[in-house]
């Protein structure tokens, strides 16, 4: 039986690193176009910064995408346990004087590969309860390659969670 592999859309919505690298790919190009319309004289100066940034973003996004695809395709599934949950709230003040909150969610997972115990901190794109991860000690499936057991992905986050659909 062949392993299930997440689609581009599933990776985009559920992997924050991939999403950030992809935004670095198109963000500078949009900035270059806007500067070219507003002030054409600075196009070459801005292009010398934006084009290399876009290339770096594209290369890193491709690497991350291929890493996730190959891990799900060729990797093994192991049982992992949530050891610790961490919610980080960052308050920032914007130019108008109002505050905004940014939340980051991390869980520490423990798992065994080849009778070696590993503990890794994994960032989630949204609150853990949306993925059914509610309490410490809860078990779920992790996907990893035996050659690099520290690069671990939570299986149901990438394959089952859809952020644009309401919970059932």
C-alpha atoms as a PDB file:
ATOM      1  CA  UNK A   1       0.000   0.000   0.000  1.00  0.00           C
ATOM      2  CA  UNK A   2       1.309   3.410  -0.968  1.00  0.00           C
ATOM      3  CA  UNK A   3       1.475   6.148   1.650  1.00  0.00           C
ATOM      4  CA  UNK A   4      -0.891   9.076   1.351  1.00  0.00           C
ATOM      5  CA  UNK A   5       0.899  12.307   0.340  1.00  0.00           C
ATOM      6  CA  UNK A   6      -0.465  15.812   1.084  1.00  0.00           C
ATOM      7  CA  UNK A   7      -1.418  18.044  -1.828  1.00  0.00           C
ATOM      8  CA  UNK A   8       0.080  21.455  -2.560  1.00  0.00           C
ATOM      9  CA  UNK A   9      -2.961  23.143  -0.995  1.00  0.00           C
ATOM     10  CA  UNK A  10      -2.733  21.048   2.180  1.00  0.00           C
ATOM     11  CA  UNK A  11       0.957  21.846   2.546  1.00  0.00           C
ATOM     12  CA  UNK A  12       0.357  25.561   1.902  1.00  0.00           C
ATOM     13  CA  UNK A  13      -2.326  25.863   4.576  1.00  0.00           C
ATOM     14  CA  UNK A  14      -0.716  23.618   7.192  1.00  0.00           C
ATOM     15  CA  UNK A  15       3.031  24.272   6.956  1.00  0.00           C
ATOM     16  CA  UNK A  16       4.005  27.748   8.119  1.00  0.00           C
ATOM     17  CA  UNK A  17       7.586  27.524   6.840  1.00  0.00           C
ATOM     18  CA  UNK A  18       6.472  26.586   3.319  1.00  0.00           C
ATOM     19  CA  UNK A  19       3.860  29.337   3.306  1.00  0.00           C
ATOM     20  CA  UNK A  20       6.445  31.929   4.422  1.00  0.00           C
ATOM     21  CA  UNK A  21       8.971  30.875   1.770  1.00  0.00           C
ATOM     22  CA  UNK A  22       6.264  31.025  -0.890  1.00  0.00           C
ATOM     23  CA  UNK A  23       5.280  34.526   0.223  1.00  0.00           C
ATOM     24  CA  UNK A  24       8.944  35.531  -0.021  1.00  0.00           C
ATOM     25  CA  UNK A  25       8.814  34.340  -3.624  1.00  0.00           C
ATOM     26  CA  UNK A  26       5.963  36.545  -4.812  1.00  0.00           C
ATOM     27  CA  UNK A  27       6.056  39.408  -2.287  1.00  0.00           C
ATOM     28  CA  UNK A  28       9.193  41.143  -3.608  1.00  0.00           C
ATOM     29  CA  UNK A  29       7.956  40.791  -7.203  1.00  0.00           C
ATOM     30  CA  UNK A  30       4.696  42.546  -6.305  1.00  0.00           C
ATOM     31  CA  UNK A  31       6.733  45.259  -4.564  1.00  0.00           C
ATOM     32  CA  UNK A  32       8.909  45.649  -7.677  1.00  0.00           C
ATOM     33  CA  UNK A  33       5.830  46.026  -9.878  1.00  0.00           C
ATOM     34  CA  UNK A  34       4.319  48.627  -7.533  1.00  0.00           C
ATOM     35  CA  UNK A  35       7.559  50.634  -7.425  1.00  0.00           C
ATOM     36  CA  UNK A  36       7.814  50.403 -11.217  1.00  0.00           C
ATOM     37  CA  UNK A  37       4.372  51.960 -11.556  1.00  0.00           C
ATOM     38  CA  UNK A  38       4.837  54.679  -8.932  1.00  0.00           C
ATOM     39  CA  UNK A  39       8.494  55.599  -9.496  1.00  0.00           C
ATOM     40  CA  UNK A  40       9.982  53.948 -12.616  1.00  0.00           C
ATOM     41  CA  UNK A  41      13.398  55.523 -12.037  1.00  0.00           C
ATOM     42  CA  UNK A  42      14.125  53.184  -9.092  1.00  0.00           C
ATOM     43  CA  UNK A  43      13.183  49.949 -10.880  1.00  0.00           C
ATOM     44  CA  UNK A  44      16.772  48.764 -11.377  1.00  0.00           C
ATOM     45  CA  UNK A  45      17.814  49.571  -7.821  1.00  0.00           C
ATOM     46  CA  UNK A  46      14.812  47.778  -6.349  1.00  0.00           C
ATOM     47  CA  UNK A  47      15.206  44.866  -8.785  1.00  0.00           C
ATOM     48  CA  UNK A  48      18.731  44.236  -7.516  1.00  0.00           C
ATOM     49  CA  UNK A  49      17.219  43.434  -4.098  1.00  0.00           C
ATOM     50  CA  UNK A  50      13.853  41.915  -4.921  1.00  0.00           C
ATOM     51  CA  UNK A  51      14.832  39.419  -7.594  1.00  0.00           C
ATOM     52  CA  UNK A  52      17.482  37.654  -5.442  1.00  0.00           C
ATOM     53  CA  UNK A  53      14.987  37.540  -2.543  1.00  0.00           C
ATOM     54  CA  UNK A  54      12.386  35.935  -4.791  1.00  0.00           C
ATOM     55  CA  UNK A  55      14.900  33.391  -6.054  1.00  0.00           C
ATOM     56  CA  UNK A  56      15.922  32.492  -2.493  1.00  0.00           C
ATOM     57  CA  UNK A  57      12.252  32.173  -1.499  1.00  0.00           C
ATOM     58  CA  UNK A  58      11.493  29.962  -4.499  1.00  0.00           C
ATOM     59  CA  UNK A  59      14.461  27.663  -3.867  1.00  0.00           C
ATOM     60  CA  UNK A  60      13.633  27.282  -0.166  1.00  0.00           C
ATOM     61  CA  UNK A  61       9.921  26.710  -0.908  1.00  0.00           C
ATOM     62  CA  UNK A  62      10.805  24.002  -3.441  1.00  0.00           C
ATOM     63  CA  UNK A  63      13.159  22.356  -0.934  1.00  0.00           C
ATOM     64  CA  UNK A  64      10.540  22.414   1.834  1.00  0.00           C
ATOM     65  CA  UNK A  65       7.799  21.102  -0.488  1.00  0.00           C
ATOM     66  CA  UNK A  66       9.998  18.236  -1.701  1.00  0.00           C
ATOM     67  CA  UNK A  67      11.044  17.443   1.891  1.00  0.00           C
ATOM     68  CA  UNK A  68       7.420  17.118   3.010  1.00  0.00           C
ATOM     69  CA  UNK A  69       6.398  15.152  -0.096  1.00  0.00           C
ATOM     70  CA  UNK A  70       9.303  12.707   0.172  1.00  0.00           C
ATOM     71  CA  UNK A  71       8.822  12.261   3.922  1.00  0.00           C
ATOM     72  CA  UNK A  72       5.162  11.343   3.481  1.00  0.00           C
ATOM     73  CA  UNK A  73       5.864   9.174   0.415  1.00  0.00           C
ATOM     74  CA  UNK A  74       8.977   7.315   1.639  1.00  0.00           C
ATOM     75  CA  UNK A  75       8.790   7.783   5.410  1.00  0.00           C
ATOM     76  CA  UNK A  76       7.466   5.633   8.196  1.00  0.00           C
ATOM     77  CA  UNK A  77       4.561   6.255  10.525  1.00  0.00           C
ATOM     78  CA  UNK A  78       5.269   6.052  14.243  1.00  0.00           C
ATOM     79  CA  UNK A  79       3.121   6.727  17.291  1.00  0.00           C
ATOM     80  CA  UNK A  80       3.933   9.939  19.085  1.00  0.00           C
ATOM     81  CA  UNK A  81       2.716  11.480  22.308  1.00  0.00           C
ATOM     82  CA  UNK A  82       2.137  15.120  23.166  1.00  0.00           C
ATOM     83  CA  UNK A  83       4.389  15.865  26.112  1.00  0.00           C
ATOM     84  CA  UNK A  84       3.895  19.604  26.471  1.00  0.00           C
ATOM     85  CA  UNK A  85       1.802  22.371  24.945  1.00  0.00           C
ATOM     86  CA  UNK A  86       2.953  25.961  24.657  1.00  0.00           C
ATOM     87  CA  UNK A  87       0.887  28.967  23.574  1.00  0.00           C
ATOM     88  CA  UNK A  88       2.864  32.148  22.951  1.00  0.00           C
ATOM     89  CA  UNK A  89       1.008  35.454  22.748  1.00  0.00           C
ATOM     90  CA  UNK A  90       2.881  38.448  21.388  1.00  0.00           C
ATOM     91  CA  UNK A  91       1.406  41.920  21.786  1.00  0.00           C
ATOM     92  CA  UNK A  92       2.500  44.570  19.319  1.00  0.00           C
ATOM     93  CA  UNK A  93       1.576  48.203  18.985  1.00  0.00           C
ATOM     94  CA  UNK A  94       0.920  49.500  15.496  1.00  0.00           C
ATOM     95  CA  UNK A  95       1.326  53.035  14.151  1.00  0.00           C
ATOM     96  CA  UNK A  96      -2.224  54.056  15.093  1.00  0.00           C
ATOM     97  CA  UNK A  97      -1.561  53.177  18.734  1.00  0.00           C
ATOM     98  CA  UNK A  98      -3.759  50.104  18.971  1.00  0.00           C
ATOM     99  CA  UNK A  99      -2.490  46.729  20.092  1.00  0.00           C
ATOM    100  CA  UNK A 100      -2.739  43.490  18.207  1.00  0.00           C
ATOM    101  CA  UNK A 101      -2.130  39.966  19.449  1.00  0.00           C
ATOM    102  CA  UNK A 102      -0.318  37.257  17.549  1.00  0.00           C
ATOM    103  CA  UNK A 103      -0.610  33.711  18.797  1.00  0.00           C
ATOM    104  CA  UNK A 104       1.870  30.913  18.139  1.00  0.00           C
ATOM    105  CA  UNK A 105       1.161  27.325  19.108  1.00  0.00           C
ATOM    106  CA  UNK A 106       3.842  24.739  19.815  1.00  0.00           C
ATOM    107  CA  UNK A 107       3.691  21.205  21.098  1.00  0.00           C
ATOM    108  CA  UNK A 108       6.532  18.981  22.198  1.00  0.00           C
ATOM    109  CA  UNK A 109       6.132  15.448  20.907  1.00  0.00           C
ATOM    110  CA  UNK A 110       7.897  12.356  22.162  1.00  0.00           C
ATOM    111  CA  UNK A 111       8.416   9.269  20.004  1.00  0.00           C
ATOM    112  CA  UNK A 112      10.692   6.256  19.527  1.00  0.00           C
ATOM    113  CA  UNK A 113      12.584   5.319  16.350  1.00  0.00           C
ATOM    114  CA  UNK A 114      14.804   2.219  16.346  1.00  0.00           C
ATOM    115  CA  UNK A 115      14.555   2.066  20.153  1.00  0.00           C
ATOM    116  CA  UNK A 116      15.907   5.618  20.495  1.00  0.00           C
ATOM    117  CA  UNK A 117      13.719   8.196  22.216  1.00  0.00           C
ATOM    118  CA  UNK A 118      13.282  11.606  20.575  1.00  0.00           C
ATOM    119  CA  UNK A 119      11.598  14.804  21.711  1.00  0.00           C
ATOM    120  CA  UNK A 120      10.872  17.516  19.168  1.00  0.00           C
ATOM    121  CA  UNK A 121       9.088  20.845  19.353  1.00  0.00           C
ATOM    122  CA  UNK A 122       6.577  21.259  16.517  1.00  0.00           C
ATOM    123  CA  UNK A 123       4.851  24.493  15.553  1.00  0.00           C
ATOM    124  CA  UNK A 124       1.194  24.216  14.637  1.00  0.00           C
ATOM    125  CA  UNK A 125      -0.477  26.629  12.204  1.00  0.00           C
ATOM    126  CA  UNK A 126      -3.516  26.971  14.467  1.00  0.00           C
ATOM    127  CA  UNK A 127      -4.744  26.089  17.949  1.00  0.00           C
ATOM    128  CA  UNK A 128      -4.057  22.448  18.906  1.00  0.00           C
ATOM    129  CA  UNK A 129      -7.701  21.688  19.726  1.00  0.00           C
ATOM    130  CA  UNK A 130      -8.597  22.259  16.044  1.00  0.00           C
ATOM    131  CA  UNK A 131      -6.520  19.182  15.212  1.00  0.00           C
ATOM    132  CA  UNK A 132      -7.983  17.106  18.024  1.00  0.00           C
ATOM    133  CA  UNK A 133      -4.844  17.535  20.131  1.00  0.00           C
ATOM    134  CA  UNK A 134      -6.409  18.378  23.473  1.00  0.00           C
ATOM    135  CA  UNK A 135      -4.352  16.996  26.325  1.00  0.00           C
ATOM    136  CA  UNK A 136      -0.865  15.992  27.320  1.00  0.00           C
ATOM    137  CA  UNK A 137      -0.168  12.302  26.866  1.00  0.00           C
ATOM    138  CA  UNK A 138      -2.485  12.043  23.870  1.00  0.00           C
ATOM    139  CA  UNK A 139      -1.199   9.764  21.098  1.00  0.00           C
ATOM    140  CA  UNK A 140      -1.253  10.458  17.352  1.00  0.00           C
ATOM    141  CA  UNK A 141       0.590   9.406  14.206  1.00  0.00           C
ATOM    142  CA  UNK A 142       3.844  11.058  13.177  1.00  0.00           C
ATOM    143  CA  UNK A 143       5.569  10.718   9.812  1.00  0.00           C
ATOM    144  CA  UNK A 144       9.359  10.773   9.509  1.00  0.00           C
ATOM    145  CA  UNK A 145      12.253   9.290   7.602  1.00  0.00           C
ATOM    146  CA  UNK A 146      14.391   6.828   9.512  1.00  0.00           C
ATOM    147  CA  UNK A 147      17.500   8.548   8.110  1.00  0.00           C
ATOM    148  CA  UNK A 148      16.473  11.888   9.642  1.00  0.00           C
ATOM    149  CA  UNK A 149      14.242  11.122  12.640  1.00  0.00           C
ATOM    150  CA  UNK A 150      14.327  14.690  13.991  1.00  0.00           C
ATOM    151  CA  UNK A 151      12.346  16.047  11.018  1.00  0.00           C
ATOM    152  CA  UNK A 152       8.891  14.975  12.072  1.00  0.00           C
ATOM    153  CA  UNK A 153       5.429  15.874  10.777  1.00  0.00           C
ATOM    154  CA  UNK A 154       2.074  15.247  12.446  1.00  0.00           C
ATOM    155  CA  UNK A 155       0.213  13.087   9.958  1.00  0.00           C
ATOM    156  CA  UNK A 156      -3.368  14.220  10.450  1.00  0.00           C
ATOM    157  CA  UNK A 157      -2.416  17.930  10.444  1.00  0.00           C
ATOM    158  CA  UNK A 158      -1.230  17.659   6.841  1.00  0.00           C
ATOM    159  CA  UNK A 159      -3.707  15.099   5.538  1.00  0.00           C
ATOM    160  CA  UNK A 160      -7.024  15.720   7.303  1.00  0.00           C
ATOM    161  CA  UNK A 161      -7.158  19.308   8.522  1.00  0.00           C
ATOM    162  CA  UNK A 162      -8.728  21.870   6.180  1.00  0.00           C
ATOM    163  CA  UNK A 163      -8.684  25.425   7.599  1.00  0.00           C
ATOM    164  CA  UNK A 164     -11.418  26.697   5.281  1.00  0.00           C
ATOM    165  CA  UNK A 165     -14.021  24.126   6.256  1.00  0.00           C
ATOM    166  CA  UNK A 166     -15.970  24.239   9.518  1.00  0.00           C
ATOM    167  CA  UNK A 167     -15.383  21.550  12.121  1.00  0.00           C
ATOM    168  CA  UNK A 168     -17.853  18.682  12.140  1.00  0.00           C
END
